[in-house]
């Protein structure tokens, strides 16, 4: 897999900053960042490509341009790489995240392209947190529906596990992301013969899980 490095650059004439470098072909595509708090989107300037040696370099920068120190380094996978939109999964020593970078409008005074950079999975994280916070389902009212409750619990664990893996930059098996259709059918079948409040709650809960799976799929762009 290609590598990435985020270096902390101090003593630069442009002020202290971070450089995000992605191995791409024979060089490192490089973006200058104000910080590494990717939960808040920031504007990063794409500067000239760096040599691959900067993946591991720490020390003085020639020309009295300050010092660099590696903040994090590791490998990355590409979700999408287009001229105006890049999404990558970074798995470093400490940083594990999916970043999305979208090219901003060009300003007449700009010499370097500006990109909007941040966590690609923010909305997904919020939806998962909301599900855990407010979409709980009580125990089944009787033993007959206990298996249905357990099936829903299994789907919840599966989907939340996939969301967790994806937000931390891991690859996942997309064939497992859909909510089990048999669970939905079972709920509808039970509701047709027994209008119990718990079944209405189970249906709403399944719908919330379904919404989360759709958001998970939408956050993964087509690679082309």
N, C-alpha and C. Protein backbone atom coordinates (compact mmCIF):
# COMPACT_ATOMS: atom_id res chain seq x y z
N UNK A 1 0.84 -1.20 0.00
CA UNK A 1 0.00 0.00 0.00
C UNK A 1 0.88 1.25 0.00
N UNK A 2 0.40 2.34 -0.61
CA UNK A 2 1.16 3.59 -0.56
C UNK A 2 1.23 4.12 0.87
N UNK A 3 2.22 4.98 1.11
CA UNK A 3 2.44 5.52 2.45
C UNK A 3 2.03 6.98 2.54
N UNK A 4 1.82 7.41 3.76
CA UNK A 4 1.59 8.82 4.03
C UNK A 4 2.44 9.22 5.22
N UNK A 5 2.70 10.51 5.31
CA UNK A 5 3.34 11.09 6.49
C UNK A 5 2.75 12.48 6.73
N UNK A 6 2.53 12.80 7.98
CA UNK A 6 2.19 14.15 8.37
C UNK A 6 3.36 14.67 9.20
N UNK A 7 4.04 15.70 8.69
CA UNK A 7 5.19 16.27 9.38
C UNK A 7 4.83 17.62 9.99
N UNK A 8 5.37 17.86 11.17
CA UNK A 8 5.22 19.15 11.81
C UNK A 8 6.41 20.01 11.42
N UNK A 9 6.13 21.15 10.81
CA UNK A 9 7.17 22.03 10.29
C UNK A 9 7.22 23.29 11.14
N UNK A 10 8.32 23.48 11.84
CA UNK A 10 8.49 24.66 12.70
C UNK A 10 9.62 25.53 12.16
N UNK A 11 9.54 26.81 12.49
CA UNK A 11 10.59 27.73 12.07
C UNK A 11 10.54 28.12 10.61
N UNK A 12 9.43 27.84 9.95
CA UNK A 12 9.28 28.20 8.54
C UNK A 12 8.97 29.69 8.42
N UNK A 13 9.39 30.30 7.31
CA UNK A 13 9.08 31.72 7.09
C UNK A 13 7.58 31.94 6.94
N UNK A 14 6.85 30.86 6.59
CA UNK A 14 5.39 30.94 6.47
C UNK A 14 4.68 30.64 7.79
N UNK A 15 5.45 30.43 8.85
CA UNK A 15 4.87 30.10 10.14
C UNK A 15 4.80 28.59 10.36
N UNK A 16 4.62 28.20 11.60
CA UNK A 16 4.55 26.77 11.92
C UNK A 16 3.29 26.17 11.30
N UNK A 17 3.42 24.95 10.81
CA UNK A 17 2.30 24.28 10.15
C UNK A 17 2.58 22.79 10.08
N UNK A 18 1.66 22.06 9.46
CA UNK A 18 1.83 20.63 9.21
C UNK A 18 1.78 20.39 7.70
N UNK A 19 2.52 19.39 7.25
CA UNK A 19 2.49 18.99 5.85
C UNK A 19 1.95 17.56 5.75
N UNK A 20 0.82 17.42 5.06
CA UNK A 20 0.26 16.10 4.78
C UNK A 20 0.81 15.65 3.44
N UNK A 21 1.52 14.53 3.43
CA UNK A 21 2.17 14.03 2.23
C UNK A 21 1.66 12.63 1.89
N UNK A 22 1.16 12.47 0.67
CA UNK A 22 0.64 11.19 0.20
C UNK A 22 1.51 10.68 -0.94
N UNK A 23 2.04 9.48 -0.76
CA UNK A 23 2.84 8.86 -1.82
C UNK A 23 1.94 8.62 -3.03
N UNK A 24 2.34 9.18 -4.15
CA UNK A 24 1.52 9.09 -5.36
C UNK A 24 2.46 9.09 -6.56
N UNK A 25 2.62 7.92 -7.17
CA UNK A 25 3.58 7.82 -8.27
C UNK A 25 5.00 7.95 -7.74
N UNK A 26 5.79 8.82 -8.36
CA UNK A 26 7.20 8.97 -8.00
C UNK A 26 7.46 10.09 -7.01
N UNK A 27 6.39 10.68 -6.47
CA UNK A 27 6.59 11.80 -5.56
C UNK A 27 5.52 11.78 -4.47
N UNK A 28 5.54 12.83 -3.65
CA UNK A 28 4.57 12.97 -2.57
C UNK A 28 3.69 14.18 -2.85
N UNK A 29 2.40 13.93 -3.05
CA UNK A 29 1.45 15.04 -3.14
C UNK A 29 1.35 15.65 -1.73
N UNK A 30 1.44 16.96 -1.66
CA UNK A 30 1.62 17.60 -0.36
C UNK A 30 0.63 18.75 -0.15
N UNK A 31 0.03 18.76 1.05
CA UNK A 31 -0.90 19.82 1.45
C UNK A 31 -0.41 20.44 2.75
N UNK A 32 -0.41 21.75 2.81
CA UNK A 32 -0.02 22.47 4.02
C UNK A 32 -1.26 22.71 4.88
N UNK A 33 -1.19 22.30 6.14
CA UNK A 33 -2.32 22.37 7.06
C UNK A 33 -1.99 23.24 8.26
N UNK A 34 -3.01 23.86 8.81
CA UNK A 34 -2.83 24.65 10.03
C UNK A 34 -2.75 23.76 11.26
N UNK A 35 -3.47 22.61 11.24
CA UNK A 35 -3.51 21.74 12.41
C UNK A 35 -3.90 20.34 11.97
N UNK A 36 -3.97 19.44 12.93
CA UNK A 36 -4.34 18.05 12.64
C UNK A 36 -5.65 17.67 13.33
N UNK A 37 -6.46 18.66 13.66
CA UNK A 37 -7.79 18.41 14.24
C UNK A 37 -8.78 18.24 13.10
N UNK A 38 -8.79 17.06 12.49
CA UNK A 38 -9.55 16.84 11.27
C UNK A 38 -11.06 16.78 11.49
N UNK A 39 -11.50 16.75 12.75
CA UNK A 39 -12.93 16.75 13.01
C UNK A 39 -13.57 18.07 12.56
N UNK A 40 -12.77 19.10 12.48
CA UNK A 40 -13.22 20.40 11.96
C UNK A 40 -12.56 20.61 10.60
N UNK A 41 -13.37 20.84 9.58
CA UNK A 41 -12.82 21.03 8.25
C UNK A 41 -11.97 22.29 8.20
N UNK A 42 -10.88 22.22 7.46
CA UNK A 42 -9.98 23.34 7.32
C UNK A 42 -9.55 23.47 5.86
N UNK A 43 -9.04 24.63 5.52
CA UNK A 43 -8.51 24.86 4.18
C UNK A 43 -7.03 24.51 4.19
N UNK A 44 -6.63 23.60 3.31
CA UNK A 44 -5.23 23.24 3.14
C UNK A 44 -4.75 23.66 1.76
N UNK A 45 -3.56 24.20 1.70
CA UNK A 45 -3.00 24.62 0.41
C UNK A 45 -2.14 23.50 -0.17
N UNK A 46 -2.41 23.12 -1.40
CA UNK A 46 -1.58 22.12 -2.06
C UNK A 46 -0.32 22.80 -2.58
N UNK A 47 0.81 22.39 -2.04
CA UNK A 47 2.09 22.98 -2.44
C UNK A 47 2.81 22.01 -3.36
N UNK A 48 4.00 22.36 -3.76
CA UNK A 48 4.70 21.53 -4.74
C UNK A 48 4.98 20.14 -4.18
N UNK A 49 5.04 19.16 -5.07
CA UNK A 49 5.31 17.78 -4.66
C UNK A 49 6.66 17.70 -3.94
N UNK A 50 6.70 16.82 -2.95
CA UNK A 50 7.95 16.58 -2.22
C UNK A 50 8.60 15.28 -2.68
N UNK A 51 9.88 15.16 -2.36
CA UNK A 51 10.59 13.91 -2.63
C UNK A 51 10.14 12.84 -1.64
N UNK A 52 10.21 11.58 -2.08
CA UNK A 52 9.76 10.49 -1.22
C UNK A 52 10.58 10.35 0.06
N UNK A 53 11.77 10.87 0.04
CA UNK A 53 12.61 10.78 1.23
C UNK A 53 11.97 11.49 2.43
N UNK A 54 11.05 12.43 2.16
CA UNK A 54 10.40 13.15 3.26
C UNK A 54 9.41 12.27 4.02
N UNK A 55 9.10 11.08 3.53
CA UNK A 55 8.25 10.16 4.28
C UNK A 55 8.88 9.81 5.62
N UNK A 56 10.21 9.78 5.67
CA UNK A 56 10.91 9.35 6.88
C UNK A 56 11.84 10.42 7.44
N UNK A 57 11.85 11.58 6.83
CA UNK A 57 12.86 12.57 7.21
C UNK A 57 12.43 13.40 8.41
N UNK A 58 13.39 13.59 9.31
CA UNK A 58 13.24 14.52 10.42
C UNK A 58 14.54 15.31 10.52
N UNK A 59 14.42 16.61 10.77
CA UNK A 59 15.63 17.42 10.92
C UNK A 59 15.50 18.77 10.25
N UNK A 60 16.64 19.39 10.00
CA UNK A 60 16.68 20.71 9.40
C UNK A 60 16.27 20.65 7.93
N UNK A 61 15.59 21.71 7.48
CA UNK A 61 15.24 21.85 6.07
C UNK A 61 16.25 22.81 5.45
N UNK A 62 16.77 22.44 4.31
CA UNK A 62 17.81 23.25 3.67
C UNK A 62 17.32 24.67 3.40
N UNK A 63 18.28 25.59 3.29
CA UNK A 63 17.93 26.98 3.00
C UNK A 63 17.40 27.72 4.21
N UNK A 64 17.78 27.25 5.40
CA UNK A 64 17.35 27.90 6.64
C UNK A 64 15.83 28.05 6.70
N UNK A 65 15.13 26.92 6.38
CA UNK A 65 13.67 26.94 6.34
C UNK A 65 13.04 26.19 7.51
N UNK A 66 13.76 26.11 8.62
CA UNK A 66 13.19 25.50 9.80
C UNK A 66 13.49 24.01 9.93
N UNK A 67 12.67 23.34 10.72
CA UNK A 67 12.84 21.92 11.00
C UNK A 67 11.53 21.17 10.77
N UNK A 68 11.65 19.89 10.47
CA UNK A 68 10.47 19.04 10.37
C UNK A 68 10.62 17.85 11.31
N UNK A 69 9.49 17.46 11.87
CA UNK A 69 9.42 16.28 12.74
C UNK A 69 8.18 15.50 12.37
N UNK A 70 8.29 14.20 12.27
CA UNK A 70 7.15 13.37 11.89
C UNK A 70 6.12 13.38 13.01
N UNK A 71 4.89 13.80 12.66
CA UNK A 71 3.78 13.77 13.61
C UNK A 71 3.10 12.41 13.57
N UNK A 72 2.95 11.84 12.39
CA UNK A 72 2.43 10.48 12.24
C UNK A 72 2.78 9.99 10.84
N UNK A 73 2.85 8.69 10.70
CA UNK A 73 3.15 8.09 9.40
C UNK A 73 2.56 6.69 9.35
N UNK A 74 2.30 6.22 8.15
CA UNK A 74 1.71 4.89 7.98
C UNK A 74 1.35 4.65 6.54
N UNK A 75 0.34 3.85 6.32
CA UNK A 75 -0.12 3.54 4.96
C UNK A 75 -1.51 4.12 4.75
N UNK A 76 -1.91 4.19 3.47
CA UNK A 76 -3.24 4.70 3.19
C UNK A 76 -3.85 3.96 2.00
N UNK A 77 -5.17 3.91 2.00
CA UNK A 77 -5.92 3.34 0.89
C UNK A 77 -6.73 4.43 0.21
N UNK A 78 -6.98 4.25 -1.07
CA UNK A 78 -7.71 5.25 -1.85
C UNK A 78 -9.16 4.82 -2.02
N UNK A 79 -10.08 5.65 -1.54
CA UNK A 79 -11.50 5.46 -1.83
C UNK A 79 -11.86 6.12 -3.16
N UNK A 80 -11.29 7.29 -3.40
CA UNK A 80 -11.54 8.02 -4.65
C UNK A 80 -10.39 9.00 -4.86
N UNK A 81 -9.97 9.13 -6.11
CA UNK A 81 -8.92 10.11 -6.42
C UNK A 81 -9.27 10.76 -7.75
N UNK A 82 -9.87 11.94 -7.65
CA UNK A 82 -10.25 12.70 -8.83
C UNK A 82 -9.53 14.04 -8.80
N UNK A 83 -9.66 14.79 -9.87
CA UNK A 83 -8.97 16.08 -9.94
C UNK A 83 -9.47 17.04 -8.88
N UNK A 84 -10.75 16.94 -8.52
CA UNK A 84 -11.33 17.90 -7.59
C UNK A 84 -11.82 17.28 -6.29
N UNK A 85 -11.63 15.96 -6.14
CA UNK A 85 -12.07 15.31 -4.90
C UNK A 85 -11.25 14.06 -4.63
N UNK A 86 -10.69 14.00 -3.44
CA UNK A 86 -9.88 12.85 -3.03
C UNK A 86 -10.40 12.36 -1.69
N UNK A 87 -10.58 11.05 -1.57
CA UNK A 87 -10.92 10.47 -0.28
C UNK A 87 -9.98 9.31 -0.01
N UNK A 88 -9.32 9.37 1.15
CA UNK A 88 -8.32 8.37 1.49
C UNK A 88 -8.52 7.90 2.92
N UNK A 89 -8.12 6.66 3.18
CA UNK A 89 -8.18 6.07 4.51
C UNK A 89 -6.76 5.98 5.05
N UNK A 90 -6.47 6.78 6.08
CA UNK A 90 -5.14 6.81 6.67
C UNK A 90 -5.09 5.89 7.88
N UNK A 91 -4.10 5.01 7.90
CA UNK A 91 -3.90 4.14 9.06
C UNK A 91 -2.45 4.33 9.49
N UNK A 92 -2.27 5.18 10.49
CA UNK A 92 -0.92 5.48 10.97
C UNK A 92 -0.64 4.87 12.31
N UNK A 93 0.42 5.33 12.93
CA UNK A 93 0.78 4.84 14.26
C UNK A 93 -0.29 5.20 15.28
N UNK A 94 -0.84 6.39 15.14
CA UNK A 94 -1.91 6.81 16.05
C UNK A 94 -3.16 7.26 15.30
N UNK A 95 -2.99 7.89 14.16
CA UNK A 95 -4.13 8.40 13.40
C UNK A 95 -4.77 7.30 12.56
N UNK A 96 -6.06 7.13 12.73
CA UNK A 96 -6.83 6.18 11.93
C UNK A 96 -8.12 6.87 11.54
N UNK A 97 -8.18 7.30 10.27
CA UNK A 97 -9.26 8.17 9.86
C UNK A 97 -9.44 8.12 8.36
N UNK A 98 -10.64 8.47 7.90
CA UNK A 98 -10.89 8.69 6.48
C UNK A 98 -10.97 10.19 6.26
N UNK A 99 -10.14 10.68 5.35
CA UNK A 99 -10.14 12.10 5.03
C UNK A 99 -10.75 12.32 3.65
N UNK A 100 -11.51 13.39 3.54
CA UNK A 100 -12.01 13.80 2.24
C UNK A 100 -11.43 15.19 1.96
N UNK A 101 -10.98 15.39 0.73
CA UNK A 101 -10.39 16.65 0.31
C UNK A 101 -11.07 17.09 -0.98
N UNK A 102 -11.69 18.27 -0.93
CA UNK A 102 -12.38 18.78 -2.11
C UNK A 102 -11.73 20.10 -2.53
N UNK A 103 -11.50 20.22 -3.83
CA UNK A 103 -10.84 21.41 -4.37
C UNK A 103 -11.79 22.61 -4.31
N UNK A 104 -11.31 23.69 -3.74
CA UNK A 104 -12.12 24.88 -3.63
C UNK A 104 -11.99 25.77 -4.86
N UNK A 105 -12.79 26.83 -4.91
CA UNK A 105 -12.70 27.77 -6.04
C UNK A 105 -11.36 28.48 -6.05
N UNK A 106 -10.88 28.78 -7.23
CA UNK A 106 -9.59 29.45 -7.37
C UNK A 106 -9.77 30.95 -7.19
N UNK A 107 -8.91 31.53 -6.35
CA UNK A 107 -8.91 32.97 -6.14
C UNK A 107 -7.80 33.60 -6.98
N UNK A 108 -8.02 34.77 -7.49
CA UNK A 108 -7.01 35.40 -8.36
C UNK A 108 -5.64 35.53 -7.72
N UNK A 109 -5.61 35.73 -6.39
CA UNK A 109 -4.33 35.93 -5.72
C UNK A 109 -3.64 34.62 -5.33
N UNK A 110 -4.31 33.51 -5.53
CA UNK A 110 -3.75 32.22 -5.12
C UNK A 110 -2.64 31.75 -6.07
N UNK A 111 -1.57 31.27 -5.47
CA UNK A 111 -0.54 30.57 -6.25
C UNK A 111 -0.64 29.06 -6.03
N UNK A 112 -1.25 28.67 -4.91
CA UNK A 112 -1.43 27.25 -4.58
C UNK A 112 -2.92 26.93 -4.49
N UNK A 113 -3.35 25.81 -5.06
CA UNK A 113 -4.76 25.43 -4.95
C UNK A 113 -5.19 25.25 -3.50
N UNK A 114 -6.41 25.63 -3.20
CA UNK A 114 -6.96 25.48 -1.86
C UNK A 114 -7.92 24.29 -1.84
N UNK A 115 -7.77 23.45 -0.82
CA UNK A 115 -8.63 22.28 -0.66
C UNK A 115 -9.31 22.35 0.71
N UNK A 116 -10.56 21.91 0.75
CA UNK A 116 -11.28 21.78 2.01
C UNK A 116 -11.06 20.36 2.52
N UNK A 117 -10.47 20.22 3.71
CA UNK A 117 -9.99 18.92 4.19
C UNK A 117 -10.58 18.62 5.56
N UNK A 118 -11.08 17.40 5.73
CA UNK A 118 -11.60 17.00 7.04
C UNK A 118 -12.03 15.55 7.06
N UNK A 119 -12.59 15.15 8.19
CA UNK A 119 -13.05 13.78 8.42
C UNK A 119 -14.23 13.48 7.50
N UNK A 120 -14.08 12.45 6.67
CA UNK A 120 -15.12 12.09 5.69
C UNK A 120 -16.31 11.41 6.33
N UNK A 121 -16.19 11.00 7.60
CA UNK A 121 -17.22 10.17 8.21
C UNK A 121 -17.94 10.87 9.35
N UNK A 122 -17.88 12.19 9.39
CA UNK A 122 -18.50 12.92 10.50
C UNK A 122 -19.99 12.63 10.63
N UNK A 123 -20.72 12.72 9.53
CA UNK A 123 -22.16 12.49 9.59
C UNK A 123 -22.47 11.05 9.98
N UNK A 124 -21.65 10.13 9.52
CA UNK A 124 -21.82 8.72 9.87
C UNK A 124 -21.61 8.52 11.37
N UNK A 125 -20.60 9.14 11.92
CA UNK A 125 -20.33 9.05 13.36
C UNK A 125 -21.51 9.61 14.17
N UNK A 126 -22.01 10.75 13.72
CA UNK A 126 -23.13 11.38 14.43
C UNK A 126 -24.37 10.50 14.40
N UNK A 127 -24.63 9.86 13.24
CA UNK A 127 -25.81 9.00 13.12
C UNK A 127 -25.68 7.77 14.02
N UNK A 128 -24.49 7.20 14.10
CA UNK A 128 -24.27 6.04 14.96
C UNK A 128 -24.45 6.42 16.43
N UNK A 129 -23.93 7.60 16.80
CA UNK A 129 -24.07 8.06 18.18
C UNK A 129 -25.54 8.32 18.52
N UNK A 130 -26.28 8.89 17.56
CA UNK A 130 -27.70 9.16 17.78
C UNK A 130 -28.48 7.86 17.95
N UNK A 131 -28.12 6.85 17.17
CA UNK A 131 -28.79 5.55 17.29
C UNK A 131 -28.57 4.96 18.68
N UNK A 132 -27.36 5.00 19.14
CA UNK A 132 -27.04 4.45 20.46
C UNK A 132 -27.71 5.25 21.57
N UNK A 133 -27.88 6.55 21.33
CA UNK A 133 -28.42 7.42 22.35
C UNK A 133 -29.94 7.31 22.47
N UNK A 134 -30.63 7.27 21.30
CA UNK A 134 -32.07 7.43 21.38
C UNK A 134 -32.93 6.38 20.74
N UNK A 135 -32.35 5.36 20.14
CA UNK A 135 -33.17 4.38 19.42
C UNK A 135 -33.11 3.01 20.09
N UNK A 136 -33.12 2.99 21.41
CA UNK A 136 -33.04 1.71 22.13
C UNK A 136 -34.35 0.94 21.98
N UNK A 137 -34.25 -0.35 22.11
CA UNK A 137 -35.42 -1.23 21.99
C UNK A 137 -35.53 -2.09 23.25
N UNK A 138 -36.69 -2.07 23.87
CA UNK A 138 -36.91 -2.86 25.09
C UNK A 138 -36.87 -4.34 24.78
N UNK A 139 -36.79 -5.12 25.86
CA UNK A 139 -36.87 -6.58 25.70
C UNK A 139 -38.22 -6.97 25.10
N UNK A 140 -38.22 -8.09 24.39
CA UNK A 140 -39.46 -8.57 23.77
C UNK A 140 -40.50 -8.90 24.85
N UNK A 141 -41.79 -8.70 24.54
CA UNK A 141 -42.84 -8.92 25.54
C UNK A 141 -43.07 -10.38 25.88
N UNK A 142 -42.62 -11.29 25.02
CA UNK A 142 -42.79 -12.71 25.32
C UNK A 142 -41.66 -13.51 24.67
N UNK A 143 -41.57 -14.78 25.03
CA UNK A 143 -40.50 -15.63 24.52
C UNK A 143 -40.59 -15.82 23.01
N UNK A 144 -41.80 -15.79 22.47
CA UNK A 144 -41.98 -16.01 21.04
C UNK A 144 -41.27 -14.95 20.21
N UNK A 145 -41.29 -13.71 20.73
CA UNK A 145 -40.63 -12.62 20.01
C UNK A 145 -39.18 -12.41 20.47
N UNK A 146 -38.74 -13.24 21.40
CA UNK A 146 -37.37 -13.11 21.89
C UNK A 146 -36.34 -13.33 20.79
N UNK A 147 -36.62 -14.30 19.90
CA UNK A 147 -35.68 -14.56 18.80
C UNK A 147 -35.60 -13.37 17.85
N UNK A 148 -36.72 -12.69 17.64
CA UNK A 148 -36.73 -11.51 16.79
C UNK A 148 -35.91 -10.39 17.43
N UNK A 149 -36.05 -10.24 18.73
CA UNK A 149 -35.27 -9.22 19.45
C UNK A 149 -33.77 -9.52 19.33
N UNK A 150 -33.41 -10.79 19.45
CA UNK A 150 -32.01 -11.17 19.34
C UNK A 150 -31.49 -10.95 17.92
N UNK A 151 -32.33 -11.21 16.93
CA UNK A 151 -31.92 -10.98 15.54
C UNK A 151 -31.64 -9.51 15.30
N UNK A 152 -32.48 -8.64 15.87
CA UNK A 152 -32.26 -7.20 15.74
C UNK A 152 -30.97 -6.78 16.47
N UNK A 153 -30.73 -7.37 17.63
CA UNK A 153 -29.51 -7.06 18.37
C UNK A 153 -28.28 -7.49 17.58
N UNK A 154 -28.38 -8.64 16.91
CA UNK A 154 -27.27 -9.11 16.07
C UNK A 154 -27.00 -8.14 14.93
N UNK A 155 -28.07 -7.65 14.28
CA UNK A 155 -27.90 -6.69 13.19
C UNK A 155 -27.29 -5.38 13.70
N UNK A 156 -27.72 -4.96 14.88
CA UNK A 156 -27.15 -3.74 15.47
C UNK A 156 -25.65 -3.91 15.69
N UNK A 157 -25.24 -5.02 16.30
CA UNK A 157 -23.82 -5.24 16.56
C UNK A 157 -23.03 -5.29 15.25
N UNK A 158 -23.58 -5.94 14.26
CA UNK A 158 -22.90 -6.06 12.97
C UNK A 158 -22.70 -4.69 12.32
N UNK A 159 -23.76 -3.90 12.27
CA UNK A 159 -23.71 -2.61 11.58
C UNK A 159 -22.81 -1.63 12.32
N UNK A 160 -22.95 -1.57 13.65
CA UNK A 160 -22.10 -0.65 14.42
C UNK A 160 -20.64 -1.05 14.34
N UNK A 161 -20.36 -2.34 14.25
CA UNK A 161 -18.98 -2.79 14.09
C UNK A 161 -18.42 -2.35 12.73
N UNK A 162 -19.23 -2.46 11.68
CA UNK A 162 -18.80 -2.01 10.36
C UNK A 162 -18.55 -0.51 10.34
N UNK A 163 -19.45 0.23 10.97
CA UNK A 163 -19.29 1.69 11.04
C UNK A 163 -17.99 2.04 11.76
N UNK A 164 -17.73 1.37 12.88
CA UNK A 164 -16.52 1.63 13.65
C UNK A 164 -15.28 1.34 12.83
N UNK A 165 -15.27 0.20 12.14
CA UNK A 165 -14.11 -0.15 11.31
C UNK A 165 -13.89 0.88 10.20
N UNK A 166 -15.00 1.26 9.55
CA UNK A 166 -14.90 2.18 8.42
C UNK A 166 -14.40 3.55 8.86
N UNK A 167 -14.92 4.06 9.97
CA UNK A 167 -14.51 5.39 10.42
C UNK A 167 -13.05 5.40 10.87
N UNK A 168 -12.50 4.24 11.22
CA UNK A 168 -11.10 4.17 11.64
C UNK A 168 -10.16 3.80 10.48
N UNK A 169 -10.67 3.92 9.25
CA UNK A 169 -9.80 3.75 8.09
C UNK A 169 -9.64 2.32 7.60
N UNK A 170 -10.37 1.37 8.17
CA UNK A 170 -10.24 -0.02 7.75
C UNK A 170 -11.10 -0.29 6.51
N UNK A 171 -10.73 -1.30 5.78
CA UNK A 171 -11.57 -1.76 4.68
C UNK A 171 -12.61 -2.72 5.25
N UNK A 172 -13.78 -2.73 4.66
CA UNK A 172 -14.86 -3.58 5.16
C UNK A 172 -15.47 -4.38 4.01
N UNK A 173 -16.20 -5.42 4.36
CA UNK A 173 -16.90 -6.24 3.38
C UNK A 173 -18.25 -5.61 3.11
N UNK A 174 -18.38 -4.97 1.94
CA UNK A 174 -19.60 -4.22 1.64
C UNK A 174 -20.81 -5.13 1.42
N UNK A 175 -20.58 -6.42 1.20
CA UNK A 175 -21.70 -7.34 1.02
C UNK A 175 -22.45 -7.58 2.34
N UNK A 176 -21.86 -7.16 3.46
CA UNK A 176 -22.47 -7.38 4.77
C UNK A 176 -23.12 -6.12 5.33
N UNK A 177 -23.20 -5.06 4.54
CA UNK A 177 -23.66 -3.79 5.10
C UNK A 177 -25.18 -3.67 5.14
N UNK A 178 -25.90 -4.43 4.35
CA UNK A 178 -27.36 -4.29 4.34
C UNK A 178 -27.99 -4.96 5.56
N UNK A 179 -29.08 -4.37 6.02
CA UNK A 179 -29.86 -4.99 7.09
C UNK A 179 -30.52 -6.26 6.55
N UNK A 180 -30.48 -7.32 7.33
CA UNK A 180 -31.04 -8.61 6.92
C UNK A 180 -32.52 -8.44 6.57
N UNK A 181 -32.86 -8.73 5.33
CA UNK A 181 -34.25 -8.55 4.87
C UNK A 181 -35.21 -9.49 5.60
N UNK A 182 -34.73 -10.64 6.04
CA UNK A 182 -35.60 -11.57 6.76
C UNK A 182 -36.09 -10.97 8.08
N UNK A 183 -35.26 -10.13 8.69
CA UNK A 183 -35.67 -9.49 9.94
C UNK A 183 -36.82 -8.54 9.68
N UNK A 184 -36.73 -7.76 8.62
CA UNK A 184 -37.82 -6.84 8.26
C UNK A 184 -39.11 -7.63 7.97
N UNK A 185 -38.97 -8.70 7.21
CA UNK A 185 -40.14 -9.50 6.86
C UNK A 185 -40.78 -10.11 8.10
N UNK A 186 -39.97 -10.54 9.03
CA UNK A 186 -40.49 -11.13 10.26
C UNK A 186 -41.28 -10.10 11.06
N UNK A 187 -40.76 -8.87 11.14
CA UNK A 187 -41.46 -7.81 11.86
C UNK A 187 -42.81 -7.54 11.21
N UNK A 188 -42.80 -7.40 9.88
CA UNK A 188 -44.06 -7.11 9.17
C UNK A 188 -45.06 -8.25 9.33
N UNK A 189 -44.57 -9.49 9.31
CA UNK A 189 -45.45 -10.64 9.46
C UNK A 189 -46.08 -10.66 10.86
N UNK A 190 -45.28 -10.39 11.87
CA UNK A 190 -45.79 -10.40 13.24
C UNK A 190 -46.79 -9.26 13.45
N UNK A 191 -46.52 -8.10 12.85
CA UNK A 191 -47.42 -6.96 13.01
C UNK A 191 -48.76 -7.20 12.30
N UNK A 192 -48.72 -8.00 11.22
CA UNK A 192 -49.96 -8.29 10.50
C UNK A 192 -50.93 -9.11 11.36
N UNK A 193 -50.41 -9.90 12.26
CA UNK A 193 -51.28 -10.74 13.08
C UNK A 193 -51.44 -10.25 14.51
N UNK A 194 -50.56 -9.28 14.89
CA UNK A 194 -50.60 -8.85 16.29
C UNK A 194 -50.11 -7.40 16.38
N UNK A 195 -51.02 -6.47 16.58
CA UNK A 195 -50.67 -5.05 16.64
C UNK A 195 -50.20 -4.68 18.05
N UNK A 196 -49.01 -5.13 18.39
CA UNK A 196 -48.47 -4.87 19.71
C UNK A 196 -47.52 -3.66 19.64
N UNK A 197 -47.53 -2.77 20.65
CA UNK A 197 -46.66 -1.59 20.62
C UNK A 197 -45.18 -1.94 20.46
N UNK A 198 -44.76 -3.08 21.02
CA UNK A 198 -43.35 -3.46 20.90
C UNK A 198 -42.96 -3.70 19.45
N UNK A 199 -43.88 -4.27 18.67
CA UNK A 199 -43.59 -4.53 17.26
C UNK A 199 -43.48 -3.23 16.48
N UNK A 200 -44.29 -2.23 16.85
CA UNK A 200 -44.17 -0.92 16.21
C UNK A 200 -42.81 -0.31 16.53
N UNK A 201 -42.38 -0.46 17.77
CA UNK A 201 -41.06 0.04 18.16
C UNK A 201 -39.95 -0.72 17.44
N UNK A 202 -40.13 -2.04 17.28
CA UNK A 202 -39.13 -2.84 16.57
C UNK A 202 -39.02 -2.41 15.11
N UNK A 203 -40.14 -2.09 14.50
CA UNK A 203 -40.12 -1.63 13.11
C UNK A 203 -39.37 -0.30 13.00
N UNK A 204 -39.64 0.62 13.93
CA UNK A 204 -38.94 1.90 13.93
C UNK A 204 -37.45 1.72 14.16
N UNK A 205 -37.11 0.79 15.01
CA UNK A 205 -35.70 0.50 15.30
C UNK A 205 -35.00 -0.05 14.07
N UNK A 206 -35.66 -0.97 13.38
CA UNK A 206 -35.10 -1.53 12.16
C UNK A 206 -34.92 -0.46 11.10
N UNK A 207 -35.84 0.48 11.03
CA UNK A 207 -35.72 1.58 10.07
C UNK A 207 -34.50 2.45 10.38
N UNK A 208 -34.25 2.69 11.66
CA UNK A 208 -33.07 3.46 12.05
C UNK A 208 -31.79 2.74 11.66
N UNK A 209 -31.76 1.43 11.88
CA UNK A 209 -30.60 0.65 11.46
C UNK A 209 -30.42 0.72 9.95
N UNK A 210 -31.53 0.66 9.22
CA UNK A 210 -31.48 0.75 7.77
C UNK A 210 -30.94 2.10 7.30
N UNK A 211 -31.35 3.17 7.97
CA UNK A 211 -30.85 4.51 7.64
C UNK A 211 -29.35 4.59 7.86
N UNK A 212 -28.87 3.95 8.93
CA UNK A 212 -27.44 3.97 9.22
C UNK A 212 -26.66 3.22 8.15
N UNK A 213 -27.19 2.09 7.70
CA UNK A 213 -26.49 1.34 6.65
C UNK A 213 -26.45 2.13 5.35
N UNK A 214 -27.52 2.86 5.03
CA UNK A 214 -27.53 3.67 3.82
C UNK A 214 -26.51 4.80 3.91
N UNK A 215 -26.39 5.41 5.08
CA UNK A 215 -25.41 6.47 5.27
C UNK A 215 -23.99 5.92 5.16
N UNK A 216 -23.79 4.72 5.66
CA UNK A 216 -22.49 4.07 5.53
C UNK A 216 -22.13 3.87 4.06
N UNK A 217 -23.07 3.39 3.28
CA UNK A 217 -22.81 3.16 1.86
C UNK A 217 -22.59 4.46 1.11
N UNK A 218 -23.35 5.49 1.48
CA UNK A 218 -23.21 6.77 0.80
C UNK A 218 -21.87 7.45 1.08
N UNK A 219 -21.28 7.13 2.21
CA UNK A 219 -20.01 7.77 2.57
C UNK A 219 -18.83 7.15 1.84
N UNK A 220 -19.09 6.07 1.11
CA UNK A 220 -18.03 5.41 0.35
C UNK A 220 -18.22 5.73 -1.12
N UNK A 221 -17.41 6.64 -1.68
CA UNK A 221 -17.62 7.05 -3.07
C UNK A 221 -17.16 6.00 -4.07
N UNK A 222 -17.70 6.07 -5.26
CA UNK A 222 -17.22 5.23 -6.35
C UNK A 222 -15.77 5.62 -6.65
N UNK A 223 -14.89 4.64 -6.86
CA UNK A 223 -13.48 4.96 -7.04
C UNK A 223 -13.16 5.70 -8.31
N UNK A 224 -14.04 5.67 -9.30
CA UNK A 224 -13.74 6.32 -10.59
C UNK A 224 -14.34 7.71 -10.62
